[in-house]
PDB file of N, CA and C in Angstrom:
ATOM      1  N   UNK A   1      58.499   2.725 -76.933  1.00  0.00           N
ATOM      2  CA  UNK A   1      59.687   2.960 -76.163  1.00  0.00           C
ATOM      3  C   UNK A   1      60.859   3.113 -77.137  1.00  0.00           C
ATOM      4  N   UNK A   2      61.602   4.198 -77.004  1.00  0.00           N
ATOM      5  CA  UNK A   2      62.753   4.370 -77.883  1.00  0.00           C
ATOM      6  C   UNK A   2      63.953   3.583 -77.339  1.00  0.00           C
ATOM      7  N   UNK A   3      64.993   3.520 -78.125  1.00  0.00           N
ATOM      8  CA  UNK A   3      66.159   2.686 -77.779  1.00  0.00           C
ATOM      9  C   UNK A   3      66.839   3.152 -76.485  1.00  0.00           C
ATOM     10  N   UNK A   4      66.882   4.441 -76.245  1.00  0.00           N
ATOM     11  CA  UNK A   4      67.463   4.964 -75.012  1.00  0.00           C
ATOM     12  C   UNK A   4      66.670   4.542 -73.787  1.00  0.00           C
ATOM     13  N   UNK A   5      65.350   4.618 -73.881  1.00  0.00           N
ATOM     14  CA  UNK A   5      64.493   4.174 -72.780  1.00  0.00           C
ATOM     15  C   UNK A   5      64.666   2.679 -72.530  1.00  0.00           C
ATOM     16  N   UNK A   6      64.746   1.918 -73.609  1.00  0.00           N
ATOM     17  CA  UNK A   6      64.939   0.479 -73.487  1.00  0.00           C
ATOM     18  C   UNK A   6      66.275   0.184 -72.804  1.00  0.00           C
ATOM     19  N   UNK A   7      67.318   0.891 -73.197  1.00  0.00           N
ATOM     20  CA  UNK A   7      68.633   0.700 -72.581  1.00  0.00           C
ATOM     21  C   UNK A   7      68.570   0.971 -71.079  1.00  0.00           C
ATOM     22  N   UNK A   8      67.915   2.056 -70.687  1.00  0.00           N
ATOM     23  CA  UNK A   8      67.793   2.387 -69.270  1.00  0.00           C
ATOM     24  C   UNK A   8      66.974   1.335 -68.530  1.00  0.00           C
ATOM     25  N   UNK A   9      65.961   0.788 -69.178  1.00  0.00           N
ATOM     26  CA  UNK A   9      65.148  -0.274 -68.562  1.00  0.00           C
ATOM     27  C   UNK A   9      66.029  -1.481 -68.209  1.00  0.00           C
ATOM     28  N   UNK A  10      67.030  -1.747 -69.046  1.00  0.00           N
ATOM     29  CA  UNK A  10      67.922  -2.881 -68.808  1.00  0.00           C
ATOM     30  C   UNK A  10      69.090  -2.522 -67.884  1.00  0.00           C
ATOM     31  N   UNK A  11      69.172  -1.261 -67.481  1.00  0.00           N
ATOM     32  CA  UNK A  11      70.200  -0.854 -66.529  1.00  0.00           C
ATOM     33  C   UNK A  11      71.397  -0.139 -67.118  1.00  0.00           C
ATOM     34  N   UNK A  12      71.317   0.246 -68.391  1.00  0.00           N
ATOM     35  CA  UNK A  12      72.418   0.949 -69.050  1.00  0.00           C
ATOM     36  C   UNK A  12      72.167   2.447 -69.065  1.00  0.00           C
ATOM     37  N   UNK A  13      73.233   3.219 -69.183  1.00  0.00           N
ATOM     38  CA  UNK A  13      73.096   4.684 -69.184  1.00  0.00           C
ATOM     39  C   UNK A  13      72.505   5.196 -70.487  1.00  0.00           C
ATOM     40  N   UNK A  14      72.781   4.474 -71.609  1.00  0.00           N
ATOM     41  CA  UNK A  14      72.270   4.922 -72.905  1.00  0.00           C
ATOM     42  C   UNK A  14      72.325   3.774 -73.918  1.00  0.00           C
ATOM     43  N   UNK A  15      71.850   4.036 -75.116  1.00  0.00           N
ATOM     44  CA  UNK A  15      71.785   3.007 -76.161  1.00  0.00           C
ATOM     45  C   UNK A  15      73.174   2.530 -76.580  1.00  0.00           C
ATOM     46  N   UNK A  16      74.167   3.424 -76.552  1.00  0.00           N
ATOM     47  CA  UNK A  16      75.526   3.011 -76.919  1.00  0.00           C
ATOM     48  C   UNK A  16      76.065   1.968 -75.943  1.00  0.00           C
ATOM     49  N   UNK A  17      75.820   2.149 -74.661  1.00  0.00           N
ATOM     50  CA  UNK A  17      76.274   1.182 -73.647  1.00  0.00           C
ATOM     51  C   UNK A  17      75.561  -0.157 -73.841  1.00  0.00           C
ATOM     52  N   UNK A  18      74.279  -0.101 -74.187  1.00  0.00           N
ATOM     53  CA  UNK A  18      73.530  -1.323 -74.477  1.00  0.00           C
ATOM     54  C   UNK A  18      74.148  -2.044 -75.672  1.00  0.00           C
ATOM     55  N   UNK A  19      74.427  -1.312 -76.719  1.00  0.00           N
ATOM     56  CA  UNK A  19      75.031  -1.907 -77.917  1.00  0.00           C
ATOM     57  C   UNK A  19      76.380  -2.546 -77.612  1.00  0.00           C
ATOM     58  N   UNK A  20      77.174  -1.905 -76.778  1.00  0.00           N
ATOM     59  CA  UNK A  20      78.491  -2.440 -76.425  1.00  0.00           C
ATOM     60  C   UNK A  20      78.383  -3.762 -75.667  1.00  0.00           C
ATOM     61  N   UNK A  21      77.310  -3.949 -74.910  1.00  0.00           N
ATOM     62  CA  UNK A  21      77.142  -5.148 -74.086  1.00  0.00           C
ATOM     63  C   UNK A  21      76.342  -6.240 -74.795  1.00  0.00           C
ATOM     64  N   UNK A  22      75.929  -5.992 -76.040  1.00  0.00           N
ATOM     65  CA  UNK A  22      75.049  -6.913 -76.750  1.00  0.00           C
ATOM     66  C   UNK A  22      75.732  -7.550 -77.944  1.00  0.00           C
ATOM     67  N   UNK A  23      75.314  -8.771 -78.235  1.00  0.00           N
ATOM     68  CA  UNK A  23      75.763  -9.488 -79.430  1.00  0.00           C
ATOM     69  C   UNK A  23      74.534  -9.903 -80.222  1.00  0.00           C
ATOM     70  N   UNK A  24      74.620  -9.763 -81.512  1.00  0.00           N
ATOM     71  CA  UNK A  24      73.532 -10.163 -82.388  1.00  0.00           C
ATOM     72  C   UNK A  24      73.569 -11.669 -82.617  1.00  0.00           C
ATOM     73  N   UNK A  25      72.403 -12.265 -82.572  1.00  0.00           N
ATOM     74  CA  UNK A  25      72.230 -13.674 -82.913  1.00  0.00           C
ATOM     75  C   UNK A  25      71.326 -13.704 -84.136  1.00  0.00           C
ATOM     76  N   UNK A  26      71.886 -13.468 -85.300  1.00  0.00           N
ATOM     77  CA  UNK A  26      71.129 -13.338 -86.537  1.00  0.00           C
ATOM     78  C   UNK A  26      70.511 -14.672 -86.932  1.00  0.00           C
ATOM     79  N   UNK A  27      69.240 -14.649 -87.281  1.00  0.00           N
ATOM     80  CA  UNK A  27      68.564 -15.885 -87.679  1.00  0.00           C
ATOM     81  C   UNK A  27      68.708 -16.176 -89.166  1.00  0.00           C
ATOM     82  N   UNK A  28      69.338 -15.277 -89.910  1.00  0.00           N
ATOM     83  CA  UNK A  28      69.528 -15.481 -91.338  1.00  0.00           C
ATOM     84  C   UNK A  28      68.330 -15.075 -92.185  1.00  0.00           C
ATOM     85  N   UNK A  29      67.291 -14.551 -91.566  1.00  0.00           N
ATOM     86  CA  UNK A  29      66.081 -14.180 -92.293  1.00  0.00           C
ATOM     87  C   UNK A  29      65.717 -12.714 -92.101  1.00  0.00           C
ATOM     88  N   UNK A  30      66.687 -11.907 -91.713  1.00  0.00           N
ATOM     89  CA  UNK A  30      66.432 -10.476 -91.594  1.00  0.00           C
ATOM     90  C   UNK A  30      65.964 -10.023 -90.235  1.00  0.00           C
ATOM     91  N   UNK A  31      65.752 -10.930 -89.326  1.00  0.00           N
ATOM     92  CA  UNK A  31      65.368 -10.588 -87.971  1.00  0.00           C
ATOM     93  C   UNK A  31      66.526 -10.977 -87.067  1.00  0.00           C
ATOM     94  N   UNK A  32      66.664 -10.289 -85.982  1.00  0.00           N
ATOM     95  CA  UNK A  32      67.771 -10.605 -85.090  1.00  0.00           C
ATOM     96  C   UNK A  32      67.301 -10.606 -83.650  1.00  0.00           C
ATOM     97  N   UNK A  33      67.873 -11.499 -82.896  1.00  0.00           N
ATOM     98  CA  UNK A  33      67.756 -11.471 -81.450  1.00  0.00           C
ATOM     99  C   UNK A  33      69.103 -11.039 -80.916  1.00  0.00           C
ATOM    100  N   UNK A  34      69.083 -10.514 -79.729  1.00  0.00           N
ATOM    101  CA  UNK A  34      70.319 -10.076 -79.098  1.00  0.00           C
ATOM    102  C   UNK A  34      70.472 -10.747 -77.754  1.00  0.00           C
ATOM    103  N   UNK A  35      71.711 -11.041 -77.415  1.00  0.00           N
ATOM    104  CA  UNK A  35      72.048 -11.524 -76.093  1.00  0.00           C
ATOM    105  C   UNK A  35      72.881 -10.419 -75.451  1.00  0.00           C
ATOM    106  N   UNK A  36      72.512 -10.059 -74.229  1.00  0.00           N
ATOM    107  CA  UNK A  36      73.117  -8.900 -73.587  1.00  0.00           C
ATOM    108  C   UNK A  36      73.549  -9.248 -72.167  1.00  0.00           C
ATOM    109  N   UNK A  37      74.778  -8.896 -71.853  1.00  0.00           N
ATOM    110  CA  UNK A  37      75.287  -9.019 -70.493  1.00  0.00           C
ATOM    111  C   UNK A  37      74.827  -7.777 -69.722  1.00  0.00           C
ATOM    112  N   UNK A  38      73.967  -7.974 -68.742  1.00  0.00           N
ATOM    113  CA  UNK A  38      73.392  -6.850 -68.006  1.00  0.00           C
ATOM    114  C   UNK A  38      74.310  -6.391 -66.875  1.00  0.00           C
ATOM    115  N   UNK A  39      74.208  -5.124 -66.492  1.00  0.00           N
ATOM    116  CA  UNK A  39      75.043  -4.595 -65.415  1.00  0.00           C
ATOM    117  C   UNK A  39      74.879  -5.338 -64.086  1.00  0.00           C
ATOM    118  N   UNK A  40      73.720  -5.949 -63.855  1.00  0.00           N
ATOM    119  CA  UNK A  40      73.496  -6.651 -62.588  1.00  0.00           C
ATOM    120  C   UNK A  40      73.994  -8.105 -62.607  1.00  0.00           C
ATOM    121  N   UNK A  41      74.638  -8.516 -63.711  1.00  0.00           N
ATOM    122  CA  UNK A  41      75.213  -9.856 -63.788  1.00  0.00           C
ATOM    123  C   UNK A  41      74.345 -10.880 -64.496  1.00  0.00           C
ATOM    124  N   UNK A  42      73.081 -10.534 -64.730  1.00  0.00           N
ATOM    125  CA  UNK A  42      72.206 -11.447 -65.471  1.00  0.00           C
ATOM    126  C   UNK A  42      72.432 -11.275 -66.962  1.00  0.00           C
ATOM    127  N   UNK A  43      71.730 -12.098 -67.729  1.00  0.00           N
ATOM    128  CA  UNK A  43      71.764 -12.030 -69.192  1.00  0.00           C
ATOM    129  C   UNK A  43      70.350 -11.818 -69.698  1.00  0.00           C
ATOM    130  N   UNK A  44      70.233 -11.131 -70.816  1.00  0.00           N
ATOM    131  CA  UNK A  44      68.923 -10.898 -71.426  1.00  0.00           C
ATOM    132  C   UNK A  44      68.973 -11.308 -72.890  1.00  0.00           C
ATOM    133  N   UNK A  45      67.831 -11.795 -73.370  1.00  0.00           N
ATOM    134  CA  UNK A  45      67.636 -12.055 -74.793  1.00  0.00           C
ATOM    135  C   UNK A  45      66.433 -11.234 -75.217  1.00  0.00           C
ATOM    136  N   UNK A  46      66.589 -10.520 -76.321  1.00  0.00           N
ATOM    137  CA  UNK A  46      65.514  -9.669 -76.824  1.00  0.00           C
ATOM    138  C   UNK A  46      65.588  -9.606 -78.332  1.00  0.00           C
ATOM    139  N   UNK A  47      64.459  -9.283 -78.937  1.00  0.00           N
ATOM    140  CA  UNK A  47      64.367  -9.236 -80.391  1.00  0.00           C
ATOM    141  C   UNK A  47      64.411  -7.798 -80.880  1.00  0.00           C
ATOM    142  N   UNK A  48      65.118  -7.608 -81.981  1.00  0.00           N
ATOM    143  CA  UNK A  48      65.205  -6.288 -82.593  1.00  0.00           C
ATOM    144  C   UNK A  48      63.821  -5.774 -82.975  1.00  0.00           C
ATOM    145  N   UNK A  49      62.984  -6.656 -83.489  1.00  0.00           N
ATOM    146  CA  UNK A  49      61.653  -6.253 -83.944  1.00  0.00           C
ATOM    147  C   UNK A  49      60.716  -5.922 -82.784  1.00  0.00           C
ATOM    148  N   UNK A  50      60.955  -6.508 -81.611  1.00  0.00           N
ATOM    149  CA  UNK A  50      60.080  -6.311 -80.459  1.00  0.00           C
ATOM    150  C   UNK A  50      60.932  -6.219 -79.194  1.00  0.00           C
ATOM    151  N   UNK A  51      61.691  -5.130 -79.027  1.00  0.00           N
ATOM    152  CA  UNK A  51      62.625  -5.052 -77.903  1.00  0.00           C
ATOM    153  C   UNK A  51      61.975  -5.086 -76.526  1.00  0.00           C
ATOM    154  N   UNK A  52      60.714  -4.733 -76.428  1.00  0.00           N
ATOM    155  CA  UNK A  52      60.080  -4.750 -75.112  1.00  0.00           C
ATOM    156  C   UNK A  52      59.836  -6.180 -74.613  1.00  0.00           C
ATOM    157  N   UNK A  53      59.954  -7.157 -75.504  1.00  0.00           N
ATOM    158  CA  UNK A  53      59.800  -8.561 -75.130  1.00  0.00           C
ATOM    159  C   UNK A  53      61.174  -9.109 -74.735  1.00  0.00           C
ATOM    160  N   UNK A  54      61.512  -8.976 -73.455  1.00  0.00           N
ATOM    161  CA  UNK A  54      62.826  -9.359 -72.945  1.00  0.00           C
ATOM    162  C   UNK A  54      62.681 -10.560 -72.032  1.00  0.00           C
ATOM    163  N   UNK A  55      63.608 -11.503 -72.179  1.00  0.00           N
ATOM    164  CA  UNK A  55      63.686 -12.640 -71.267  1.00  0.00           C
ATOM    165  C   UNK A  55      65.005 -12.531 -70.522  1.00  0.00           C
ATOM    166  N   UNK A  56      64.963 -12.808 -69.221  1.00  0.00           N
ATOM    167  CA  UNK A  56      66.140 -12.682 -68.366  1.00  0.00           C
ATOM    168  C   UNK A  56      66.618 -14.054 -67.905  1.00  0.00           C
ATOM    169  N   UNK A  57      67.949 -14.200 -67.794  1.00  0.00           N
ATOM    170  CA  UNK A  57      68.560 -15.470 -67.417  1.00  0.00           C
ATOM    171  C   UNK A  57      69.723 -15.225 -66.480  1.00  0.00           C
ATOM    172  N   UNK A  58      70.019 -16.241 -65.681  1.00  0.00           N
ATOM    173  CA  UNK A  58      71.130 -16.139 -64.739  1.00  0.00           C
ATOM    174  C   UNK A  58      72.479 -16.349 -65.404  1.00  0.00           C
ATOM    175  N   UNK A  59      72.515 -17.136 -66.484  1.00  0.00           N
ATOM    176  CA  UNK A  59      73.785 -17.428 -67.140  1.00  0.00           C
ATOM    177  C   UNK A  59      73.681 -17.193 -68.640  1.00  0.00           C
ATOM    178  N   UNK A  60      74.831 -17.003 -69.256  1.00  0.00           N
ATOM    179  CA  UNK A  60      74.885 -16.851 -70.707  1.00  0.00           C
ATOM    180  C   UNK A  60      74.394 -18.125 -71.392  1.00  0.00           C
ATOM    181  N   UNK A  61      74.777 -19.268 -70.842  1.00  0.00           N
ATOM    182  CA  UNK A  61      74.374 -20.542 -71.427  1.00  0.00           C
ATOM    183  C   UNK A  61      72.851 -20.673 -71.487  1.00  0.00           C
ATOM    184  N   UNK A  62      72.175 -20.322 -70.401  1.00  0.00           N
ATOM    185  CA  UNK A  62      70.709 -20.356 -70.397  1.00  0.00           C
ATOM    186  C   UNK A  62      70.142 -19.423 -71.461  1.00  0.00           C
ATOM    187  N   UNK A  63      70.718 -18.232 -71.571  1.00  0.00           N
ATOM    188  CA  UNK A  63      70.240 -17.251 -72.548  1.00  0.00           C
ATOM    189  C   UNK A  63      70.434 -17.757 -73.973  1.00  0.00           C
ATOM    190  N   UNK A  64      71.597 -18.321 -74.269  1.00  0.00           N
ATOM    191  CA  UNK A  64      71.852 -18.848 -75.608  1.00  0.00           C
ATOM    192  C   UNK A  64      70.938 -20.027 -75.923  1.00  0.00           C
ATOM    193  N   UNK A  65      70.738 -20.900 -74.950  1.00  0.00           N
ATOM    194  CA  UNK A  65      69.843 -22.041 -75.159  1.00  0.00           C
ATOM    195  C   UNK A  65      68.436 -21.575 -75.504  1.00  0.00           C
ATOM    196  N   UNK A  66      67.957 -20.545 -74.816  1.00  0.00           N
ATOM    197  CA  UNK A  66      66.607 -20.031 -75.088  1.00  0.00           C
ATOM    198  C   UNK A  66      66.525 -19.392 -76.466  1.00  0.00           C
ATOM    199  N   UNK A  67      67.556 -18.652 -76.831  1.00  0.00           N
ATOM    200  CA  UNK A  67      67.567 -18.020 -78.151  1.00  0.00           C
ATOM    201  C   UNK A  67      67.548 -19.087 -79.241  1.00  0.00           C
ATOM    202  N   UNK A  68      68.333 -20.124 -79.089  1.00  0.00           N
ATOM    203  CA  UNK A  68      68.333 -21.218 -80.072  1.00  0.00           C
ATOM    204  C   UNK A  68      66.968 -21.883 -80.139  1.00  0.00           C
ATOM    205  N   UNK A  69      66.381 -22.154 -78.987  1.00  0.00           N
ATOM    206  CA  UNK A  69      65.068 -22.799 -78.952  1.00  0.00           C
ATOM    207  C   UNK A  69      64.029 -21.936 -79.661  1.00  0.00           C
ATOM    208  N   UNK A  70      64.094 -20.623 -79.459  1.00  0.00           N
ATOM    209  CA  UNK A  70      63.144 -19.730 -80.131  1.00  0.00           C
ATOM    210  C   UNK A  70      63.307 -19.790 -81.642  1.00  0.00           C
ATOM    211  N   UNK A  71      64.553 -19.827 -82.128  1.00  0.00           N
ATOM    212  CA  UNK A  71      64.787 -19.927 -83.568  1.00  0.00           C
ATOM    213  C   UNK A  71      64.204 -21.226 -84.106  1.00  0.00           C
ATOM    214  N   UNK A  72      64.446 -22.323 -83.412  1.00  0.00           N
ATOM    215  CA  UNK A  72      63.952 -23.621 -83.881  1.00  0.00           C
ATOM    216  C   UNK A  72      62.424 -23.671 -83.860  1.00  0.00           C
ATOM    217  N   UNK A  73      61.819 -23.113 -82.827  1.00  0.00           N
ATOM    218  CA  UNK A  73      60.348 -23.087 -82.749  1.00  0.00           C
ATOM    219  C   UNK A  73      59.761 -22.304 -83.905  1.00  0.00           C
ATOM    220  N   UNK A  74      60.465 -21.266 -84.351  1.00  0.00           N
ATOM    221  CA  UNK A  74      59.993 -20.444 -85.458  1.00  0.00           C
ATOM    222  C   UNK A  74      60.364 -21.026 -86.822  1.00  0.00           C
ATOM    223  N   UNK A  75      61.052 -22.174 -86.809  1.00  0.00           N
ATOM    224  CA  UNK A  75      61.420 -22.820 -88.069  1.00  0.00           C
ATOM    225  C   UNK A  75      62.738 -22.335 -88.656  1.00  0.00           C
ATOM    226  N   UNK A  76      63.513 -21.588 -87.874  1.00  0.00           N
ATOM    227  CA  UNK A  76      64.792 -21.097 -88.353  1.00  0.00           C
ATOM    228  C   UNK A  76      65.902 -22.049 -87.957  1.00  0.00           C
ATOM    229  N   UNK A  77      66.985 -21.957 -88.680  1.00  0.00           N
ATOM    230  CA  UNK A  77      68.187 -22.690 -88.309  1.00  0.00           C
ATOM    231  C   UNK A  77      69.131 -21.722 -87.627  1.00  0.00           C
ATOM    232  N   UNK A  78      69.659 -22.130 -86.508  1.00  0.00           N
ATOM    233  CA  UNK A  78      70.575 -21.273 -85.748  1.00  0.00           C
ATOM    234  C   UNK A  78      71.947 -21.305 -86.391  1.00  0.00           C
ATOM    235  N   UNK A  79      72.520 -20.127 -86.608  1.00  0.00           N
ATOM    236  CA  UNK A  79      73.846 -20.019 -87.193  1.00  0.00           C
ATOM    237  C   UNK A  79      74.813 -19.505 -86.154  1.00  0.00           C
ATOM    238  N   UNK A  80      75.852 -20.287 -85.853  1.00  0.00           N
ATOM    239  CA  UNK A  80      76.845 -19.832 -84.874  1.00  0.00           C
ATOM    240  C   UNK A  80      77.945 -19.069 -85.554  1.00  0.00           C
TER     241      UNK A  80
END
Protein backbone atom coordinates (compact mmCIF):
# COMPACT_ATOMS: atom_id res chain seq x y z
CA UNK A 1 0.00 0.00 0.00
CA UNK A 2 1.47 3.36 -0.96
CA UNK A 3 1.28 6.43 1.27
CA UNK A 4 -1.67 7.91 -0.63
CA UNK A 5 -3.70 4.72 -0.25
CA UNK A 6 -2.81 4.60 3.44
CA UNK A 7 -3.93 8.22 3.87
CA UNK A 8 -7.28 7.46 2.22
CA UNK A 9 -7.69 4.38 4.43
CA UNK A 10 -7.46 6.70 7.45
CA UNK A 11 -9.96 9.13 5.94
CA UNK A 12 -7.66 11.77 4.42
CA UNK A 13 -7.77 13.05 0.84
CA UNK A 14 -4.03 12.51 0.30
CA UNK A 15 -0.65 11.92 1.96
CA UNK A 16 -0.10 15.65 2.55
CA UNK A 17 -3.30 15.89 4.62
CA UNK A 18 -2.19 12.83 6.59
CA UNK A 19 1.19 14.42 7.26
CA UNK A 20 -0.45 17.65 8.43
CA UNK A 21 -2.56 15.74 10.98
CA UNK A 22 0.30 13.55 12.25
CA UNK A 23 3.08 14.00 14.78
CA UNK A 24 6.18 11.88 14.95
CA UNK A 25 6.97 10.05 18.17
CA UNK A 26 10.62 9.25 17.49
CA UNK A 27 12.03 6.38 19.52
CA UNK A 28 15.61 7.62 19.12
CA UNK A 29 16.67 4.49 17.22
CA UNK A 30 15.76 5.40 13.66
CA UNK A 31 12.21 4.11 13.76
CA UNK A 32 9.21 6.30 14.30
CA UNK A 33 5.63 5.92 15.32
CA UNK A 34 3.07 8.52 14.48
CA UNK A 35 0.06 9.80 16.32
CA UNK A 36 -2.64 11.13 14.03
CA UNK A 37 -5.84 13.05 14.65
CA UNK A 38 -8.33 11.39 12.31
CA UNK A 39 -11.13 13.22 10.48
CA UNK A 40 -13.75 11.19 12.37
CA UNK A 41 -12.47 12.43 15.76
CA UNK A 42 -10.55 9.31 16.75
CA UNK A 43 -6.78 9.01 17.09
CA UNK A 44 -4.46 6.54 15.40
CA UNK A 45 -0.97 5.29 16.17
CA UNK A 46 1.04 3.72 13.38
CA UNK A 47 4.63 2.88 12.60
CA UNK A 48 6.62 4.32 9.74
CA UNK A 49 8.16 0.91 9.05
CA UNK A 50 4.77 -0.86 9.01
CA UNK A 51 2.01 1.69 8.30
CA UNK A 52 -0.65 -0.94 7.71
CA UNK A 53 -0.41 -1.83 11.41
CA UNK A 54 -2.70 0.88 12.80
CA UNK A 55 -4.25 1.09 16.25
CA UNK A 56 -7.27 3.32 16.83
CA UNK A 57 -8.19 5.19 20.02
CA UNK A 58 -10.96 7.44 21.23
CA UNK A 59 -8.64 10.00 22.83
CA UNK A 60 -5.17 11.39 22.28
CA UNK A 61 -4.23 10.33 25.80
CA UNK A 62 -5.07 6.69 25.06
CA UNK A 63 -3.07 6.87 21.82
CA UNK A 64 -0.01 8.38 23.53
CA UNK A 65 -0.18 5.86 26.36
CA UNK A 66 -0.19 3.00 23.85
CA UNK A 67 2.70 4.46 21.89
CA UNK A 68 4.75 4.81 25.08
CA UNK A 69 3.90 1.27 26.14
CA UNK A 70 5.01 -0.05 22.75
CA UNK A 71 8.36 1.74 23.06
CA UNK A 72 8.92 0.34 26.55
CA UNK A 73 7.95 -3.19 25.47
CA UNK A 74 10.53 -2.94 22.69
CA UNK A 75 13.18 -1.76 25.15
CA UNK A 76 13.19 1.85 24.00
CA UNK A 77 13.05 4.93 26.13
CA UNK A 78 10.30 7.36 25.25
CA UNK A 79 11.49 10.87 24.49
CA UNK A 80 9.01 13.71 24.91
